[in-house]
Protein backbone atom coordinates (compact mmCIF):
# COMPACT_ATOMS: atom_id res chain seq x y z
CA MET A 1 118.35 -148.75 13.28
CA THR A 2 117.52 -147.49 16.72
CA ALA A 3 119.64 -145.39 19.01
CA PRO A 4 121.27 -147.31 21.86
CA LYS A 5 119.87 -146.76 25.30
CA THR A 6 122.05 -146.01 28.26
CA GLU A 7 121.43 -146.11 31.98
CA SER A 8 122.30 -143.31 34.32
CA PHE A 9 123.57 -143.80 37.83
CA ASP A 10 120.13 -143.42 39.34
CA GLY A 11 118.74 -146.30 37.25
CA VAL A 12 116.68 -144.13 34.91
CA ARG A 13 117.21 -144.85 31.24
CA ALA A 14 118.27 -142.02 29.00
CA VAL A 15 118.16 -142.18 25.23
CA ALA A 16 121.45 -141.45 23.52
CA PRO A 17 121.35 -138.35 21.34
CA ARG A 18 120.66 -138.93 17.66
CA GLY A 19 123.54 -138.72 15.23
CA PRO A 20 123.59 -136.44 12.21
CA ARG A 21 120.90 -137.06 9.64
CA TRP A 22 121.76 -139.01 6.50
CA ARG A 23 121.04 -136.06 4.22
CA ALA A 24 123.61 -133.94 6.01
CA GLN A 25 126.24 -136.68 5.71
CA ALA A 26 125.46 -137.86 2.16
CA PRO A 27 127.74 -135.30 0.45
CA VAL A 28 130.61 -136.25 2.77
CA VAL A 29 130.14 -139.95 2.07
CA ALA A 30 129.97 -139.23 -1.67
CA VAL A 31 133.18 -137.18 -1.80
CA VAL A 32 135.05 -139.70 0.37
CA ALA A 33 133.97 -142.49 -1.99
CA LEU A 34 134.91 -140.48 -5.08
CA GLY A 35 138.26 -139.50 -3.59
CA GLY A 36 138.92 -143.04 -2.34
CA GLY A 37 138.36 -144.46 -5.80
CA THR A 38 140.71 -141.86 -7.28
CA GLY A 39 143.43 -142.57 -4.72
CA ALA A 40 143.09 -146.34 -5.05
CA ALA A 41 143.35 -146.06 -8.84
CA ALA A 42 146.53 -144.00 -8.47
CA ARG A 43 147.98 -146.59 -6.08
CA TYR A 44 147.09 -149.39 -8.47
CA ALA A 45 148.77 -147.50 -11.31
CA ALA A 46 151.91 -147.22 -9.16
CA GLN A 47 151.82 -150.97 -8.49
CA LEU A 48 151.50 -151.65 -12.22
CA GLY A 49 154.20 -149.18 -13.18
CA TRP A 50 156.67 -150.34 -10.54
CA PRO A 51 155.82 -153.97 -9.74
CA ALA A 52 157.53 -155.68 -6.83
CA GLN A 53 159.37 -158.92 -7.48
CA THR A 54 157.76 -161.99 -5.97
CA GLY A 55 159.46 -162.60 -2.65
CA GLY A 56 161.37 -159.32 -2.88
CA PHE A 57 161.15 -156.25 -0.71
CA PRO A 58 157.84 -154.45 -1.50
CA TRP A 59 159.40 -151.10 -2.40
CA THR A 60 156.37 -149.79 -4.27
CA THR A 61 154.05 -150.18 -1.29
CA LEU A 62 156.63 -148.61 1.00
CA TRP A 63 157.15 -145.57 -1.25
CA VAL A 64 153.44 -145.14 -1.96
CA ASN A 65 152.79 -144.99 1.79
CA VAL A 66 155.71 -142.63 2.41
CA ALA A 67 154.70 -140.32 -0.45
CA GLY A 68 151.05 -140.34 0.62
CA CYS A 69 151.97 -139.51 4.20
CA ALA A 70 154.22 -136.67 3.05
CA VAL A 71 151.35 -135.22 1.04
CA ILE A 72 149.08 -135.59 4.08
CA GLY A 73 151.61 -133.56 6.11
CA VAL A 74 151.63 -130.75 3.55
CA PHE A 75 147.87 -130.85 3.04
CA MET A 76 146.99 -130.70 6.73
CA VAL A 77 149.20 -127.65 7.28
CA VAL A 78 147.78 -125.88 4.25
CA ILE A 79 144.16 -126.75 5.07
CA THR A 80 144.46 -125.73 8.73
CA ASP A 81 146.92 -122.82 8.67
CA VAL A 82 146.54 -121.19 5.26
CA TRP A 83 143.42 -121.94 3.30
CA ALA A 84 139.83 -121.75 4.51
CA ALA A 85 138.59 -124.49 2.20
CA HIS A 86 135.10 -125.74 1.49
CA ARG A 87 133.88 -128.26 4.08
CA LEU A 88 134.14 -131.14 1.59
CA VAL A 89 137.79 -130.58 0.61
CA ARG A 90 139.27 -132.35 3.64
CA PRO A 91 137.05 -135.45 3.38
CA PHE A 92 137.58 -135.65 -0.40
CA PHE A 93 141.34 -135.21 -0.49
CA GLY A 94 142.53 -136.14 3.00
CA THR A 95 140.27 -139.09 3.77
CA GLY A 96 139.32 -140.09 0.24
CA VAL A 97 142.21 -139.55 -2.16
CA LEU A 98 145.07 -139.94 0.30
CA GLY A 99 143.29 -142.64 2.28
CA GLY A 100 142.74 -144.61 -0.93
CA PHE A 101 146.29 -143.97 -2.13
CA THR A 102 148.10 -145.03 1.03
CA THR A 103 147.72 -148.72 1.56
CA PHE A 104 148.35 -150.14 4.97
CA SER A 105 146.25 -153.21 4.19
CA THR A 106 148.66 -154.11 1.38
CA TYR A 107 151.49 -153.38 3.81
CA ALA A 108 150.08 -156.04 6.14
CA VAL A 109 149.60 -158.57 3.32
CA ASP A 110 153.11 -157.90 2.01
CA GLY A 111 154.50 -158.53 5.49
CA ARG A 112 152.52 -161.73 5.84
CA ASP A 113 153.72 -162.92 2.43
CA LEU A 114 157.34 -162.26 3.33
CA PHE A 115 156.95 -164.35 6.50
CA ALA A 116 155.14 -167.10 4.57
CA ASP A 117 158.06 -167.20 2.09
CA GLY A 118 160.47 -167.69 5.00
CA GLN A 119 161.98 -164.21 4.70
CA VAL A 120 161.65 -163.34 8.37
CA ARG A 121 164.38 -160.68 8.49
CA THR A 122 163.08 -158.93 5.38
CA GLY A 123 159.52 -159.13 6.74
CA LEU A 124 160.55 -157.64 10.09
CA ALA A 125 162.57 -154.91 8.38
CA TYR A 126 159.61 -154.06 6.15
CA LEU A 127 157.10 -154.08 9.00
CA ALA A 128 159.34 -151.75 11.03
CA ALA A 129 160.48 -149.49 8.17
CA THR A 130 157.07 -148.65 6.72
CA PRO A 131 155.42 -147.01 9.75
CA LEU A 132 158.71 -145.38 10.78
CA ALA A 133 159.24 -143.92 7.30
CA ALA A 134 155.58 -142.91 6.95
CA LEU A 135 155.50 -141.10 10.31
CA THR A 136 158.82 -139.44 9.55
CA ALA A 137 157.49 -138.32 6.16
CA VAL A 138 154.34 -136.74 7.58
CA CYS A 139 156.28 -134.96 10.33
CA LEU A 140 159.03 -133.68 8.04
CA ALA A 141 156.55 -132.58 5.38
CA ALA A 142 154.46 -130.66 7.93
CA TRP A 143 157.58 -129.08 9.42
CA ALA A 144 158.97 -128.12 6.00
CA THR A 145 155.62 -126.69 4.89
CA ARG A 146 155.40 -124.53 8.00
CA ARG A 147 158.98 -123.32 7.43
CA VAL A 148 158.25 -122.41 3.80
CA LEU A 149 155.04 -120.63 4.76
CA LYS A 150 156.81 -118.71 7.52
CA TRP A 151 159.63 -117.76 5.15
CA ARG A 152 157.16 -116.50 2.52
CA GLN A 153 155.31 -114.19 4.94
CA PRO A 154 156.06 -110.50 4.40
């Protein structure tokens, strides 16, 4: 793969700077993949343990996304404000595990299926409730984590 070329205003071509080398990024890719597999397996286990009824409101997907976003809120506060973690912790847990656990692709398919089954109101409610609940969860979790950390300071 070659780097894209760009033109400057004076018509002279400049080569775009090279990205990071593969060797430097290989550990990040590996931990994201490992974490993603772990998170996806946990999500699948939740779907098996709490299956949604065909044509019913997809509660499992909603609660998986809300729980995952709440954990993201806590994790991001801890990783940025409290703990100087190894450089691979954030890609492994934040991008990998929590990215694999939360499932906005299933959210989209669930919404489509509700519309295909003629459940327009349920589909609209689900499509509105999931991002609203997920954003609320991440904000409340981050806020609560900061409050607890502030309270625990001597």
